[in-house]
Protein backbone atom coordinates (compact mmCIF):
# COMPACT_ATOMS: atom_id res chain seq x y z
CA ARG A 1 63.98 -20.14 305.68
CA GLY A 2 66.49 -22.98 305.78
CA GLU A 3 69.49 -20.77 306.61
CA PHE A 4 69.52 -21.12 310.41
CA LEU A 5 69.54 -24.81 311.38
CA GLY A 6 68.89 -25.12 315.11
CA ILE A 7 69.25 -28.33 317.13
CA ILE A 8 67.55 -28.55 320.52
CA GLY A 9 66.95 -31.41 322.96
CA HIS A 10 67.50 -32.80 326.42
CA THR A 11 70.80 -32.13 328.12
CA GLY A 12 73.18 -34.86 326.97
CA SER A 13 71.25 -35.68 323.80
CA GLY A 14 74.22 -34.88 321.56
CA LYS A 15 73.32 -31.46 320.19
CA SER A 16 76.91 -30.21 320.01
CA THR A 17 78.38 -33.48 318.75
CA LEU A 18 75.81 -33.93 315.99
CA GLY A 19 75.80 -30.21 315.22
CA LYS A 20 79.54 -30.20 314.54
CA LEU A 21 79.29 -33.28 312.33
CA LEU A 22 76.31 -31.90 310.41
CA ALA A 23 78.01 -28.53 309.89
CA ARG A 24 81.06 -30.31 308.48
CA ARG A 25 78.91 -32.38 306.12
CA LEU A 26 76.95 -29.34 304.93
CA ALA A 27 80.05 -27.07 304.73
CA ARG A 28 78.38 -24.58 307.06
CA PRO A 29 79.68 -22.75 310.14
CA PHE A 30 78.92 -24.39 313.49
CA VAL A 31 77.87 -22.40 316.56
CA ASP A 32 77.52 -23.76 320.10
CA LEU A 33 75.21 -21.30 321.84
CA ASP A 34 76.58 -22.14 325.30
CA ALA A 35 80.12 -21.44 324.09
CA GLU A 36 78.98 -18.09 322.72
CA ILE A 37 77.44 -17.22 326.10
CA GLU A 38 80.62 -18.18 327.94
CA LYS A 39 82.74 -16.14 325.54
CA ALA A 40 80.59 -13.04 326.00
CA ALA A 41 80.43 -13.42 329.81
CA GLY A 42 84.06 -14.37 330.29
CA ARG A 43 83.10 -17.25 332.58
CA SER A 44 81.61 -20.73 332.49
CA ILE A 45 77.94 -21.65 332.33
CA LEU A 46 78.21 -23.09 335.84
CA ALA A 47 79.67 -19.81 337.11
CA ILE A 48 76.91 -17.80 335.44
CA PHE A 49 74.25 -20.00 337.07
CA ALA A 50 75.95 -19.64 340.45
CA ALA A 51 76.19 -15.85 340.23
CA GLU A 52 73.01 -14.91 338.35
CA GLY A 53 70.70 -17.88 338.68
CA GLU A 54 68.75 -19.43 335.85
CA ALA A 55 66.89 -16.17 335.07
CA GLY A 56 70.16 -14.31 334.52
CA PHE A 57 71.49 -17.09 332.34
CA ARG A 58 68.33 -17.14 330.20
CA ALA A 59 68.59 -13.41 329.58
CA ARG A 60 72.15 -13.86 328.35
CA GLU A 61 71.01 -16.83 326.26
CA LEU A 62 68.36 -14.77 324.48
CA ARG A 63 70.84 -12.03 323.64
CA ALA A 64 73.30 -14.59 322.28
CA LEU A 65 70.58 -16.24 320.20
CA GLU A 66 69.52 -12.92 318.68
CA GLU A 67 73.13 -12.28 317.60
CA VAL A 68 73.75 -15.81 316.31
CA SER A 69 70.50 -15.79 314.31
CA THR A 70 71.96 -13.10 312.04
CA ARG A 71 74.89 -15.28 310.98
CA PRO A 72 74.30 -16.77 307.53
CA ARG A 73 73.81 -20.50 307.08
CA ALA A 74 74.80 -21.48 310.64
CA VAL A 75 74.20 -24.86 312.28
CA VAL A 76 73.45 -23.98 315.91
CA ALA A 77 73.49 -26.26 318.96
CA LEU A 78 70.92 -24.70 321.30
CA GLY A 79 70.83 -25.18 325.04
CA GLY A 80 68.28 -27.67 326.34
CA GLY A 81 66.02 -24.89 327.63
CA ALA A 82 67.00 -22.20 325.14
CA LEU A 83 63.60 -22.02 323.46
CA VAL A 84 61.34 -22.35 326.50
CA ASN A 85 61.11 -18.57 326.37
CA ALA A 86 58.53 -17.67 323.71
CA ALA A 87 60.60 -14.73 322.46
CA ALA A 88 63.65 -16.94 321.96
CA ARG A 89 61.64 -19.55 320.12
CA ALA A 90 60.16 -16.91 317.82
CA VAL A 91 63.69 -15.72 316.93
CA ALA A 92 64.85 -19.24 316.05
CA GLU A 93 61.79 -20.23 314.03
CA ARG A 94 61.67 -16.91 312.18
CA CYS A 95 65.27 -17.36 311.01
CA GLY A 96 65.19 -21.01 310.03
CA THR A 97 64.34 -24.52 311.15
CA VAL A 98 64.59 -26.27 314.52
CA VAL A 99 64.91 -30.03 315.08
CA CYS A 100 64.42 -31.52 318.53
CA LEU A 101 66.50 -34.55 319.57
CA ASP A 102 64.84 -37.23 321.70
CA CYS A 103 66.82 -39.66 323.83
CA SER A 104 65.92 -42.27 326.45
CA LEU A 105 66.48 -41.47 330.11
CA ASP A 106 68.92 -44.37 330.52
CA GLU A 107 71.02 -43.21 327.59
CA LEU A 108 71.02 -39.60 328.82
CA CYS A 109 72.16 -40.69 332.29
CA ALA A 110 74.95 -42.77 330.79
CA ARG A 111 76.17 -39.88 328.66
CA ILE A 112 76.05 -37.33 331.48
CA GLY A 113 77.77 -39.77 333.81
CA ARG A 114 80.77 -39.85 331.47
CA VAL A 115 81.32 -36.08 331.99
CA PRO A 116 80.14 -35.39 335.58
CA GLY A 117 79.79 -31.85 336.88
CA THR A 118 79.29 -30.18 333.48
CA ARG A 119 75.49 -29.80 333.39
CA PRO A 120 74.26 -26.94 335.59
CA LEU A 121 70.75 -28.27 336.16
CA VAL A 122 71.88 -31.84 336.99
CA ALA A 123 75.45 -31.12 338.01
CA ALA A 124 76.16 -32.38 341.50
CA GLY A 125 75.58 -35.31 343.77
CA ALA A 126 75.41 -39.06 343.45
CA VAL A 127 74.36 -40.84 340.28
CA SER A 128 70.95 -41.71 341.71
CA ALA A 129 70.30 -38.10 342.72
CA ALA A 130 71.41 -36.81 339.32
CA ARG A 131 69.07 -39.28 337.64
CA THR A 132 66.18 -38.07 339.80
CA ARG A 133 66.91 -34.43 338.94
CA LEU A 134 67.20 -35.26 335.24
CA GLU A 135 63.95 -37.20 335.30
CA GLY A 136 62.21 -34.22 336.89
CA LEU A 137 63.73 -31.83 334.35
CA LEU A 138 62.54 -33.99 331.47
CA ALA A 139 59.05 -34.15 332.93
CA ARG A 140 58.90 -30.34 333.22
CA ARG A 141 60.04 -29.89 329.62
CA ALA A 142 58.15 -32.81 328.07
CA ALA A 143 55.32 -30.68 326.64
CA HIS A 144 57.81 -28.11 325.37
CA TYR A 145 59.89 -30.65 323.50
CA ALA A 146 56.78 -32.40 322.19
CA SER A 147 55.62 -29.12 320.63
CA PHE A 148 58.39 -29.18 318.01
CA PRO A 149 57.07 -30.82 314.82
CA LEU A 150 60.53 -31.96 313.66
CA ARG A 151 61.92 -34.61 316.00
CA LEU A 152 64.64 -37.24 315.86
CA ASP A 153 65.18 -40.14 318.26
CA VAL A 154 68.95 -40.39 318.74
CA SER A 155 68.98 -43.43 321.05
CA ASP A 156 71.03 -46.40 319.82
CA ARG A 157 71.59 -45.07 316.29
CA PRO A 158 74.98 -44.63 314.58
CA PRO A 159 76.10 -41.07 313.79
CA GLU A 160 75.96 -41.52 310.00
CA ALA A 161 72.32 -42.60 310.13
CA LEU A 162 71.51 -39.64 312.39
CA LEU A 163 73.22 -37.22 310.01
CA ASP A 164 71.27 -38.65 307.08
CA ALA A 165 68.05 -38.17 309.04
CA LEU A 166 68.96 -34.60 310.05
CA GLU A 167 69.62 -33.66 306.42
CA ILE A 168 66.15 -34.84 305.50
CA LEU A 169 64.49 -33.10 308.45
CA PHE A 170 66.25 -29.82 307.70
CA GLY A 171 65.86 -30.24 303.93
CA ALA A 172 69.54 -29.33 303.53
CA PHE A 173 72.19 -31.26 301.59
CA HIS A 174 75.71 -30.53 300.36
CA ILE A 175 77.52 -32.42 297.59
CA VAL A 176 81.29 -32.03 297.27
CA SER A 177 82.08 -34.87 294.90
CA GLY A 178 81.14 -33.24 291.57
CA ASP A 179 82.94 -30.61 289.51
CA VAL A 180 81.48 -27.82 291.70
CA PRO A 181 80.41 -28.01 295.37
CA SER A 182 76.63 -27.94 295.40
CA ASP A 183 74.15 -26.93 298.12
CA VAL A 184 70.59 -28.23 297.97
CA VAL A 185 67.80 -26.67 300.06
CA VAL A 186 64.20 -27.93 300.30
CA GLY A 187 61.56 -25.81 302.00
CA THR A 188 59.02 -23.03 301.59
CA ASP A 189 59.35 -19.30 300.85
CA LEU A 190 62.72 -19.89 299.22
CA LEU A 191 62.28 -17.91 295.99
CA GLU A 192 62.67 -14.63 297.85
CA THR A 193 66.04 -15.78 299.25
CA VAL A 194 67.74 -16.40 295.89
CA GLY A 195 69.53 -13.06 295.84
CA GLU A 196 70.92 -13.15 299.34
CA GLN A 197 72.02 -16.76 298.92
CA ALA A 198 73.81 -15.95 295.66
CA VAL A 199 75.60 -13.02 297.28
CA GLN A 200 76.57 -15.11 300.33
CA ARG A 201 78.27 -17.57 297.99
CA GLY A 202 80.08 -14.82 296.11
CA LEU A 203 78.62 -15.79 292.74
CA GLY A 204 78.77 -12.31 291.25
CA HIS A 205 76.68 -9.23 290.68
CA ARG A 206 75.23 -9.94 287.21
CA ALA A 207 72.95 -12.80 286.18
CA VAL A 208 70.67 -14.06 283.43
CA VAL A 209 67.53 -15.81 284.67
CA VAL A 210 66.43 -18.51 282.21
CA CYS A 211 62.80 -19.58 282.37
CA ASP A 212 60.14 -20.96 280.02
CA ALA A 213 56.60 -20.03 279.08
CA HIS A 214 55.27 -21.73 282.22
CA THR A 215 57.42 -19.93 284.78
CA ALA A 216 57.89 -16.60 282.97
CA PRO A 217 54.56 -14.99 284.00
CA ARG A 218 54.56 -15.79 287.70
CA LEU A 219 57.67 -17.35 289.25
CA ALA A 220 60.67 -16.07 287.30
CA PRO A 221 59.90 -12.36 287.96
CA ARG A 222 59.96 -13.10 291.71
CA VAL A 223 63.47 -14.54 291.30
CA VAL A 224 64.58 -11.48 289.33
CA ASP A 225 63.19 -9.19 292.05
CA ALA A 226 64.97 -11.19 294.77
CA LEU A 227 68.27 -10.92 292.90
CA GLU A 228 67.89 -7.19 292.34
CA ARG A 229 67.03 -6.56 296.00
CA ALA A 230 70.38 -8.19 296.84
CA GLY A 231 72.24 -5.93 294.42
CA VAL A 232 72.49 -8.37 291.50
CA ALA A 233 71.73 -6.96 288.05
CA ALA A 234 69.39 -9.60 286.62
CA ARG A 235 67.96 -10.02 283.14
CA LEU A 236 65.08 -12.40 282.33
CA PHE A 237 65.22 -14.66 279.27
CA ALA A 238 62.37 -17.01 278.35
CA ILE A 239 62.59 -20.06 276.10
CA PRO A 240 59.68 -22.10 274.69
CA ALA A 241 58.30 -24.79 276.99
CA GLY A 242 58.41 -28.50 276.25
CA GLU A 243 60.80 -31.36 275.60
CA GLU A 244 60.62 -30.76 271.85
CA THR A 245 62.49 -27.46 272.36
CA LYS A 246 65.39 -29.16 274.18
CA THR A 247 67.77 -28.66 271.27
CA LEU A 248 71.13 -27.12 270.48
CA ALA A 249 69.27 -24.33 268.69
CA THR A 250 67.56 -23.36 271.96
CA VAL A 251 70.86 -23.55 273.85
CA GLN A 252 72.30 -21.19 271.25
CA THR A 253 69.58 -18.65 272.03
CA ILE A 254 70.57 -18.87 275.72
CA TRP A 255 74.21 -18.22 274.78
CA GLY A 256 72.94 -15.20 272.87
CA ALA A 257 71.17 -13.93 276.00
CA PHE A 258 74.39 -14.38 277.98
CA GLN A 259 76.28 -12.41 275.36
CA SER A 260 73.69 -9.64 275.24
CA ALA A 261 73.76 -9.31 279.03
CA GLY A 262 77.55 -9.19 279.03
CA LEU A 263 77.96 -12.24 281.29
CA GLY A 264 81.60 -12.89 282.13
CA ARG A 265 83.36 -15.52 284.19
CA ALA A 266 82.59 -13.57 287.36
CA ASP A 267 78.83 -13.73 286.68
CA PHE A 268 76.25 -16.52 286.85
CA ALA A 269 73.10 -18.00 285.38
CA VAL A 270 69.86 -19.00 287.09
CA ALA A 271 67.41 -21.64 285.85
CA VAL A 272 63.78 -21.31 286.97
CA GLY A 273 61.59 -24.24 285.97
CA GLY A 274 61.63 -27.98 285.50
CA GLY A 275 64.10 -30.47 284.13
CA VAL A 276 64.16 -29.14 280.56
CA VAL A 277 64.99 -25.58 281.63
CA GLY A 278 67.57 -26.80 284.13
CA ASP A 279 69.26 -29.11 281.64
CA MET A 280 69.60 -26.43 278.97
CA ALA A 281 70.46 -23.47 281.21
CA GLY A 282 72.99 -25.65 283.03
CA PHE A 283 74.55 -26.78 279.73
CA ALA A 284 74.70 -23.21 278.50
CA ALA A 285 76.45 -22.24 281.75
CA ALA A 286 78.84 -25.20 281.48
CA THR A 287 79.95 -24.12 278.02
CA TRP A 288 79.81 -20.31 278.30
CA MET A 289 83.40 -19.07 278.56
CA ARG A 290 84.27 -22.70 279.42
CA GLY A 291 82.04 -22.63 282.48
CA ILE A 292 80.30 -20.11 284.74
CA PRO A 293 78.38 -20.79 287.98
CA TRP A 294 74.66 -21.40 287.90
CA LEU A 295 71.73 -21.80 290.30
CA ASN A 296 68.81 -24.15 289.77
CA VAL A 297 65.48 -22.90 291.12
CA SER A 298 63.39 -26.02 290.70
CA THR A 299 59.62 -25.59 290.27
CA THR A 300 58.41 -29.10 289.31
CA LEU A 301 58.27 -32.20 291.46
CA LEU A 302 60.20 -34.22 288.89
CA SER A 303 63.02 -31.71 288.93
CA MET A 304 63.03 -31.36 292.72
CA VAL A 305 63.40 -35.05 293.47
CA ASP A 306 65.72 -35.92 290.60
CA ALA A 307 66.73 -33.72 287.65
CA SER A 308 67.82 -30.61 289.57
CA THR A 309 70.63 -32.33 291.48
CA GLY A 310 73.71 -34.14 290.27
CA GLY A 311 75.15 -31.91 287.58
CA LYS A 312 73.83 -33.61 284.45
CA THR A 313 73.14 -30.94 281.82
CA GLY A 314 72.49 -31.12 278.09
CA CYS A 315 70.03 -31.33 275.24
CA ASP A 316 68.57 -33.80 272.75
CA LEU A 317 69.47 -34.71 269.19
CA PRO A 318 66.83 -35.84 266.68
CA GLY A 319 65.68 -39.28 267.78
CA ALA A 320 67.97 -39.47 270.83
CA LYS A 321 67.55 -37.92 274.27
CA ASN A 322 70.33 -36.17 276.18
CA MET A 323 73.05 -37.12 273.72
CA VAL A 324 74.89 -33.78 274.04
CA GLY A 325 75.82 -32.50 277.46
CA ALA A 326 78.26 -32.03 280.29
CA PHE A 327 78.52 -32.59 284.03
CA HIS A 328 78.30 -29.14 285.61
CA SER A 329 76.80 -28.97 289.11
CA PRO A 330 74.75 -25.95 290.17
CA ALA A 331 76.28 -24.03 293.06
CA LEU A 332 72.83 -24.03 294.64
CA VAL A 333 69.55 -25.88 294.14
CA LEU A 334 66.43 -24.38 295.69
CA ALA A 335 63.34 -26.57 295.88
CA ASP A 336 60.52 -24.30 297.07
CA VAL A 337 57.62 -26.74 297.47
CA SER A 338 55.04 -23.95 297.57
CA THR A 339 55.60 -23.58 293.81
CA LEU A 340 54.16 -27.09 293.36
CA LEU A 341 50.65 -26.17 294.48
CA THR A 342 49.66 -24.82 291.06
CA LEU A 343 51.45 -27.53 289.09
CA PRO A 344 49.15 -29.24 286.56
CA VAL A 345 47.94 -32.66 287.71
CA ARG A 346 49.82 -34.47 284.95
CA GLU A 347 53.09 -32.71 285.81
CA GLY A 348 52.71 -33.65 289.47
CA ARG A 349 52.23 -37.30 288.61
CA CYS A 350 55.35 -37.23 286.45
CA GLY A 351 57.33 -36.16 289.50
CA LEU A 352 55.82 -38.97 291.54
CA ALA A 353 57.23 -41.41 288.98
CA GLU A 354 60.78 -40.43 289.93
CA ALA A 355 59.89 -40.76 293.62
CA VAL A 356 58.57 -44.31 293.06
CA LYS A 357 61.74 -45.05 291.10
CA HIS A 358 63.89 -43.93 294.04
CA ALA A 359 61.81 -46.08 296.39
CA LEU A 360 62.42 -49.11 294.18
CA ILE A 361 66.16 -48.43 294.06
CA ALA A 362 66.89 -47.80 297.74
CA ASN A 363 63.67 -48.83 299.56
CA PRO A 364 63.91 -46.15 302.28
CA PRO A 365 61.05 -46.45 304.81
CA GLY A 366 60.38 -42.70 304.93
CA LEU A 367 59.87 -42.48 301.18
CA ARG A 368 57.66 -45.57 301.07
CA GLU A 369 55.52 -44.01 303.83
CA GLY A 370 55.23 -40.76 301.87
CA LEU A 371 54.11 -42.57 298.73
CA ALA A 372 51.58 -44.59 300.75
CA ARG A 373 50.21 -41.34 302.19
CA PHE A 374 49.75 -39.88 298.72
CA ALA A 375 48.13 -43.09 297.47
CA ALA A 376 45.72 -43.06 300.44
CA LEU A 377 44.88 -39.41 299.78
CA ARG A 378 44.19 -40.22 296.15
CA THR A 379 41.92 -43.13 297.14
CA ARG A 380 39.99 -41.00 299.62
CA LEU A 381 39.46 -38.11 297.22
CA GLY A 382 38.94 -40.18 294.10
CA ASP A 383 42.09 -38.48 292.84
CA ALA A 384 44.71 -36.20 294.35
CA THR A 385 46.94 -33.36 293.27
CA LEU A 386 49.86 -31.62 294.89
CA ALA A 387 47.46 -28.76 295.68
CA ASP A 388 45.84 -31.08 298.21
CA PHE A 389 48.94 -30.52 300.36
CA SER A 390 48.28 -26.75 300.56
CA GLU A 391 47.39 -27.01 304.26
CA ASP A 392 50.41 -29.18 305.03
CA LEU A 393 53.42 -27.89 303.14
CA PRO A 394 55.85 -29.39 305.69
CA ALA A 395 54.58 -32.84 304.72
CA LEU A 396 55.19 -32.08 301.05
CA ALA A 397 58.68 -30.75 301.85
CA SER A 398 59.43 -33.89 303.86
CA PHE A 399 58.30 -36.08 300.96
CA VAL A 400 60.55 -34.19 298.52
CA ALA A 401 63.52 -34.37 300.91
CA HIS A 402 63.11 -38.13 301.42
CA ALA A 403 63.00 -38.73 297.66
CA LEU A 404 65.89 -36.38 296.96
CA ALA A 405 68.07 -38.01 299.64
CA VAL A 406 68.30 -41.15 297.48
CA LYS A 407 69.65 -39.13 294.56
CA VAL A 408 72.08 -37.21 296.77
CA ASP A 409 73.53 -40.42 298.20
CA PHE A 410 74.30 -41.84 294.75
CA VAL A 411 75.74 -38.56 293.44
CA ARG A 412 78.05 -38.24 296.44
CA ARG A 413 79.41 -41.74 295.89
CA ASP A 414 79.56 -41.67 292.10
CA PRO A 415 79.39 -38.10 290.76
CA PHE A 416 80.24 -38.88 287.13
CA GLU A 417 78.21 -42.11 286.78
CA LYS A 418 81.12 -44.52 286.58
CA GLY A 419 79.37 -47.15 288.67
CA ASP A 420 76.35 -47.44 290.95
CA ARG A 421 74.88 -44.05 290.06
CA ALA A 422 73.75 -45.68 286.80
CA LYS A 423 71.06 -47.41 288.90
CA LEU A 424 69.25 -44.06 288.86
CA ASN A 425 68.61 -44.74 285.16
CA LEU A 426 66.02 -47.33 286.19
CA GLY A 427 63.11 -47.14 283.74
CA HIS A 428 64.88 -44.59 281.54
CA THR A 429 66.24 -46.82 278.78
CA VAL A 430 62.80 -48.05 277.75
CA GLY A 431 61.24 -44.77 278.94
CA HIS A 432 63.36 -42.57 276.67
CA ALA A 433 62.49 -44.82 273.75
CA VAL A 434 58.78 -44.43 274.54
CA GLU A 435 59.15 -40.65 274.59
CA VAL A 436 60.90 -40.60 271.22
CA ALA A 437 58.52 -43.13 269.63
CA THR A 438 55.48 -41.05 270.65
CA ASP A 439 57.12 -37.75 269.66
CA PHE A 440 57.00 -36.84 273.37
CA GLY A 441 53.25 -37.34 273.54
CA VAL A 442 54.04 -39.49 276.58
CA GLN A 443 55.68 -37.24 279.16
CA HIS A 444 58.93 -38.13 280.89
CA GLY A 445 57.54 -39.32 284.22
CA GLU A 446 54.84 -41.37 282.52
CA ALA A 447 57.49 -42.93 280.28
CA VAL A 448 59.66 -43.76 283.32
CA ALA A 449 56.72 -45.56 284.96
CA ILE A 450 56.00 -47.55 281.79
CA GLY A 451 59.71 -48.17 281.21
CA THR A 452 60.27 -49.45 284.75
CA VAL A 453 57.46 -51.99 284.40
CA GLU A 454 58.86 -53.15 281.04
CA GLU A 455 62.34 -53.44 282.54
CA ALA A 456 60.90 -55.48 285.43
CA ARG A 457 59.47 -57.84 282.79
CA LEU A 458 62.92 -58.02 281.19
CA ALA A 459 64.37 -58.94 284.59
CA VAL A 460 61.89 -61.83 284.76
CA ARG A 461 62.82 -63.02 281.26
CA LEU A 462 66.47 -63.03 282.30
CA GLY A 463 65.69 -65.06 285.42
CA LEU A 464 66.59 -62.20 287.79
CA ALA A 465 63.17 -61.56 289.33
CA ALA A 466 60.09 -63.47 290.46
CA PRO A 467 57.27 -63.87 287.88
CA ASP A 468 54.84 -61.67 289.84
CA TRP A 469 57.37 -58.86 290.37
CA PRO A 470 56.28 -56.73 287.35
CA ASP A 471 52.72 -56.67 288.71
CA GLU A 472 54.02 -55.34 292.05
CA VAL A 473 56.02 -52.64 290.26
CA ALA A 474 53.00 -51.69 288.16
CA ALA A 475 50.82 -51.46 291.27
CA ALA A 476 53.29 -49.04 292.90
CA PHE A 477 53.09 -46.64 289.96
CA ALA A 478 49.35 -47.09 289.45
CA SER A 479 48.69 -46.26 293.12
CA VAL A 480 49.75 -42.66 292.44
CA GLY A 481 47.89 -42.40 289.13
CA LEU A 482 50.61 -43.24 286.60
CA PRO A 483 50.24 -45.36 283.44
CA THR A 484 52.01 -48.72 283.38
CA ALA A 485 51.33 -50.17 279.92
CA LEU A 486 53.02 -49.38 276.62
CA PRO A 487 50.92 -47.19 274.31
CA ASP A 488 48.96 -48.98 271.62
CA GLY A 489 51.17 -50.12 268.76
CA LEU A 490 54.39 -50.20 270.78
CA THR A 491 56.17 -53.28 272.09
CA PHE A 492 59.54 -53.85 273.72
CA ALA A 493 60.77 -55.30 270.40
CA SER A 494 59.49 -52.36 268.36
CA LEU A 495 61.41 -49.96 270.61
CA ALA A 496 64.67 -51.87 270.18
CA GLU A 497 66.04 -49.69 267.38
CA ILE A 498 65.58 -46.52 269.42
CA MET A 499 67.12 -48.19 272.48
CA ARG A 500 70.18 -49.17 270.43
CA ARG A 501 70.88 -45.44 270.02
CA ASP A 502 70.94 -45.06 273.82
CA LYS A 503 74.23 -43.69 275.19
CA LYS A 504 74.27 -46.31 277.97
CA LYS A 505 75.81 -49.12 275.95
CA ALA A 506 79.03 -51.15 275.72
CA ASP A 507 80.24 -53.71 273.16
CA GLY A 508 76.99 -53.43 271.25
CA ARG A 509 74.90 -54.22 274.30
CA ILE A 510 72.73 -51.84 276.33
CA ARG A 511 73.32 -51.39 280.04
CA PHE A 512 69.96 -51.62 281.80
CA ALA A 513 69.28 -50.83 285.44
CA LEU A 514 66.95 -53.77 286.04
CA PRO A 515 64.57 -53.80 289.03
CA CYS A 516 64.67 -57.23 290.67
CA GLY A 517 63.05 -56.41 294.03
CA TRP A 518 62.64 -53.55 296.48
CA GLY A 519 66.12 -52.14 296.99
CA ASP A 520 67.55 -54.56 294.43
CA VAL A 521 68.47 -52.91 291.13
CA ARG A 522 71.13 -54.61 289.01
CA LEU A 523 73.22 -53.10 286.22
CA THR A 524 73.03 -55.62 283.40
CA LEU A 525 74.30 -55.60 279.80
CA VAL A 526 71.61 -56.93 277.46
CA THR A 527 71.51 -57.42 273.70
CA VAL A 528 68.24 -56.07 272.25
């Protein structure tokens, strides 16, 4: 799923216009189903309706849809009534995802009036008569359109905002501003598509799949099988799990696996796991033969919403996180949310920390609503885990896509962290120090939550935020079950020496991303 992206909606709702723009943004082929029908018939849609009636046109439409559905990665503008037929709808939904565009009657009439005589079901006559016919058509199709779970109101919204919303609804992003163009796909049942997607992108016919002790028994073999079904010779290599293994020594073992498998520049690597596996496999790929392609199959919430995307790879040095690394974007990121259902409770909460962080940075309404839904679920159940979304995976996928969209926006604008992308380090300067000081007894997401609250307190001390702001930040993290206080024995001052080793510094001062309000994060040099 996620390969065929279909756009349906009322006549005049902008399916073709938005479809073309979305295809360009996602670097995918665009298909206008009506144009395909006209090409096959050798005559216009109006002529087909005149000669064969609507029934004849619908039969042609179904045949065209069946052919188009086999084209890889297409963005397809569907006719307004293309999926009324149950067989046609089954074809579209089996092959991918469909989003329905909603538009007000007044706006539709205005749009159609600008190109009169082009819509077969509302084509002729005076404006008032056309409006009456359109109103009747909408009434007949109202229940049909309402049956699509993914919907977007396109009335009175600028194209850029609509494209952003479509990316989130489809769970599909494309980043062209890094060292390697990168596709990101969020959805379900994606593990089984790894092989065909790698082949479609021409990544090669030999791969090493890097996993850890958590993903080796259950998830990584599925990826290997998917690669082999697509004709890719794949070899599995497992590394120990945990942040404490994120070292150059572990990276060296991955290089050894590459060498043993005979990986060359025409081959690729695949990471299956969370942020640690992705960071190290990506760094090994960045440095093997001066760089080979890699895919990131993300299986933790923290990785899906943050670490998997953006091209940061690397490993730790003693007492300092992520000090050795390179920017090397994965050719493809797959976030299969069904893999989250068995994630340990603590791991799930760590991922929620990055989602709260993104909400603080950009304050997008959709993400705030998703976090509120999780908090309400947790209150109702006394606690909540990602497994509680097992009956509503689309909601979980939507949550991940909303959180990830914040990261994608920053990476597109600042791929190598020369400016605003550094705001994504919110909570990480103090958080990394907490991880090191506790010998990683505090996990990354927990440390980010604690670090963000401490950095909010620093913002208050510097006169950049209101006195009660840290309490509001703490409440946001606590609502999803995350800790907000420094562990016993640690203070901001006691962490200063570790923070001074942080790579985000200039002229002896540390560059903090300080939270000063919702959607207000300021990059500030501070002496600690």
